[in-house]
Amino acid sequence: MDEAQELAVLRLLTEVCGTDAIDQERDVDLFDAGLLDSLGFTHLLVGLEDDLGIRVPPTAVERDEVSTVNRILTFVSERL
């Protein structure tokens, strides 16, 4: 993943989570912290498809794979 792609993911996460603090603590569980829920997760997947061309059905993703910023970045990187 290049820097522009990483910034696109972080920008999308900031929008979905409603805070730019997600970049400061990249290993915090976003679901446990109340920053990401099932609706937000769906918005994240739609945004990844629109912005980066990554198509992943929500049912094909385990919560643990995308529970933190770092895990989301790895998830996206593996699909680019």
C-alpha atoms as a PDB file:
ATOM      1  CA  MET A   1       0.000   0.000   0.000  1.00  0.00           C
ATOM      2  CA  ASP A   2       1.391   3.371  -0.922  1.00  0.00           C
ATOM      3  CA  GLU A   3       1.116   6.523   1.166  1.00  0.00           C
ATOM      4  CA  ALA A   4      -1.810   7.946  -0.835  1.00  0.00           C
ATOM      5  CA  GLN A   5      -3.795   4.739  -0.341  1.00  0.00           C
ATOM      6  CA  GLU A   6      -3.045   4.719   3.385  1.00  0.00           C
ATOM      7  CA  LEU A   7      -4.162   8.335   3.668  1.00  0.00           C
ATOM      8  CA  ALA A   8      -7.367   7.492   1.781  1.00  0.00           C
ATOM      9  CA  VAL A   9      -8.119   4.681   4.258  1.00  0.00           C
ATOM     10  CA  LEU A  10      -7.364   6.928   7.246  1.00  0.00           C
ATOM     11  CA  ARG A  11      -9.545   9.701   5.816  1.00  0.00           C
ATOM     12  CA  LEU A  12     -12.386   7.227   5.327  1.00  0.00           C
ATOM     13  CA  LEU A  13     -11.978   5.863   8.865  1.00  0.00           C
ATOM     14  CA  THR A  14     -11.995   9.392  10.272  1.00  0.00           C
ATOM     15  CA  GLU A  15     -15.264  10.041   8.459  1.00  0.00           C
ATOM     16  CA  VAL A  16     -16.865   6.736   9.483  1.00  0.00           C
ATOM     17  CA  CYS A  17     -15.699   6.894  13.113  1.00  0.00           C
ATOM     18  CA  GLY A  18     -16.383  10.611  13.474  1.00  0.00           C
ATOM     19  CA  THR A  19     -12.965  11.449  14.923  1.00  0.00           C
ATOM     20  CA  ASP A  20      -9.424  11.983  13.745  1.00  0.00           C
ATOM     21  CA  ALA A  21      -8.116  10.457  16.989  1.00  0.00           C
ATOM     22  CA  ILE A  22      -8.130   7.031  15.308  1.00  0.00           C
ATOM     23  CA  ASP A  23      -4.715   7.798  13.824  1.00  0.00           C
ATOM     24  CA  GLN A  24      -3.174   8.362  17.270  1.00  0.00           C
ATOM     25  CA  GLU A  25      -3.988   4.950  18.746  1.00  0.00           C
ATOM     26  CA  ARG A  26      -3.879   2.540  15.828  1.00  0.00           C
ATOM     27  CA  ASP A  27      -4.208  -0.600  17.972  1.00  0.00           C
ATOM     28  CA  VAL A  28      -7.354   0.392  19.885  1.00  0.00           C
ATOM     29  CA  ASP A  29     -10.300  -1.886  19.170  1.00  0.00           C
ATOM     30  CA  LEU A  30     -12.656   0.453  17.313  1.00  0.00           C
ATOM     31  CA  PHE A  31     -15.722  -1.655  18.085  1.00  0.00           C
ATOM     32  CA  ASP A  32     -15.001  -1.866  21.833  1.00  0.00           C
ATOM     33  CA  ALA A  33     -14.259   1.879  21.939  1.00  0.00           C
ATOM     34  CA  GLY A  34     -17.650   2.604  20.365  1.00  0.00           C
ATOM     35  CA  LEU A  35     -16.086   4.203  17.300  1.00  0.00           C
ATOM     36  CA  LEU A  36     -17.230   1.588  14.799  1.00  0.00           C
ATOM     37  CA  ASP A  37     -20.461  -0.389  14.672  1.00  0.00           C
ATOM     38  CA  SER A  38     -22.110  -2.587  12.045  1.00  0.00           C
ATOM     39  CA  LEU A  39     -23.519   0.372  10.116  1.00  0.00           C
ATOM     40  CA  GLY A  40     -20.174   2.161  10.213  1.00  0.00           C
ATOM     41  CA  PHE A  41     -18.476  -1.013   9.091  1.00  0.00           C
ATOM     42  CA  THR A  42     -20.808  -1.215   6.102  1.00  0.00           C
ATOM     43  CA  HIS A  43     -19.998   2.412   5.258  1.00  0.00           C
ATOM     44  CA  LEU A  44     -16.313   1.549   5.521  1.00  0.00           C
ATOM     45  CA  LEU A  45     -16.656  -1.317   3.048  1.00  0.00           C
ATOM     46  CA  VAL A  46     -18.629   0.847   0.613  1.00  0.00           C
ATOM     47  CA  GLY A  47     -16.002   3.574   0.910  1.00  0.00           C
ATOM     48  CA  LEU A  48     -13.180   1.117   0.277  1.00  0.00           C
ATOM     49  CA  GLU A  49     -14.950  -0.062  -2.838  1.00  0.00           C
ATOM     50  CA  ASP A  50     -15.639   3.482  -4.069  1.00  0.00           C
ATOM     51  CA  ASP A  51     -12.240   4.966  -3.197  1.00  0.00           C
ATOM     52  CA  LEU A  52      -9.867   2.049  -3.770  1.00  0.00           C
ATOM     53  CA  GLY A  53     -11.813  -0.445  -5.863  1.00  0.00           C
ATOM     54  CA  ILE A  54     -11.760  -3.098  -3.147  1.00  0.00           C
ATOM     55  CA  ARG A  55     -14.912  -5.233  -3.218  1.00  0.00           C
ATOM     56  CA  VAL A  56     -15.432  -7.340  -0.109  1.00  0.00           C
ATOM     57  CA  PRO A  57     -18.838  -8.692   0.898  1.00  0.00           C
ATOM     58  CA  PRO A  58     -19.494  -7.904   4.605  1.00  0.00           C
ATOM     59  CA  THR A  59     -20.152 -11.578   5.288  1.00  0.00           C
ATOM     60  CA  ALA A  60     -16.641 -12.460   4.091  1.00  0.00           C
ATOM     61  CA  VAL A  61     -14.951 -10.421   6.835  1.00  0.00           C
ATOM     62  CA  GLU A  62     -14.334 -11.466  10.421  1.00  0.00           C
ATOM     63  CA  ARG A  63     -14.562  -8.685  13.009  1.00  0.00           C
ATOM     64  CA  ASP A  64     -11.074  -9.495  14.325  1.00  0.00           C
ATOM     65  CA  GLU A  65      -9.622  -8.791  10.866  1.00  0.00           C
ATOM     66  CA  VAL A  66     -10.814  -5.188  10.985  1.00  0.00           C
ATOM     67  CA  SER A  67     -11.056  -4.281  14.665  1.00  0.00           C
ATOM     68  CA  THR A  68      -8.178  -1.770  14.763  1.00  0.00           C
ATOM     69  CA  VAL A  69      -6.739   0.815  12.398  1.00  0.00           C
ATOM     70  CA  ASN A  70      -3.604  -1.284  11.888  1.00  0.00           C
ATOM     71  CA  ARG A  71      -5.663  -4.389  11.106  1.00  0.00           C
ATOM     72  CA  ILE A  72      -7.801  -2.440   8.645  1.00  0.00           C
ATOM     73  CA  LEU A  73      -4.668  -1.151   6.911  1.00  0.00           C
ATOM     74  CA  THR A  74      -3.329  -4.706   6.675  1.00  0.00           C
ATOM     75  CA  PHE A  75      -6.711  -5.959   5.437  1.00  0.00           C
ATOM     76  CA  VAL A  76      -6.767  -3.319   2.694  1.00  0.00           C
ATOM     77  CA  SER A  77      -3.108  -3.850   1.779  1.00  0.00           C
ATOM     78  CA  GLU A  78      -3.692  -7.571   1.253  1.00  0.00           C
ATOM     79  CA  ARG A  79      -6.532  -6.818  -1.185  1.00  0.00           C
ATOM     80  CA  LEU A  80      -4.919  -4.137  -3.321  1.00  0.00           C
END
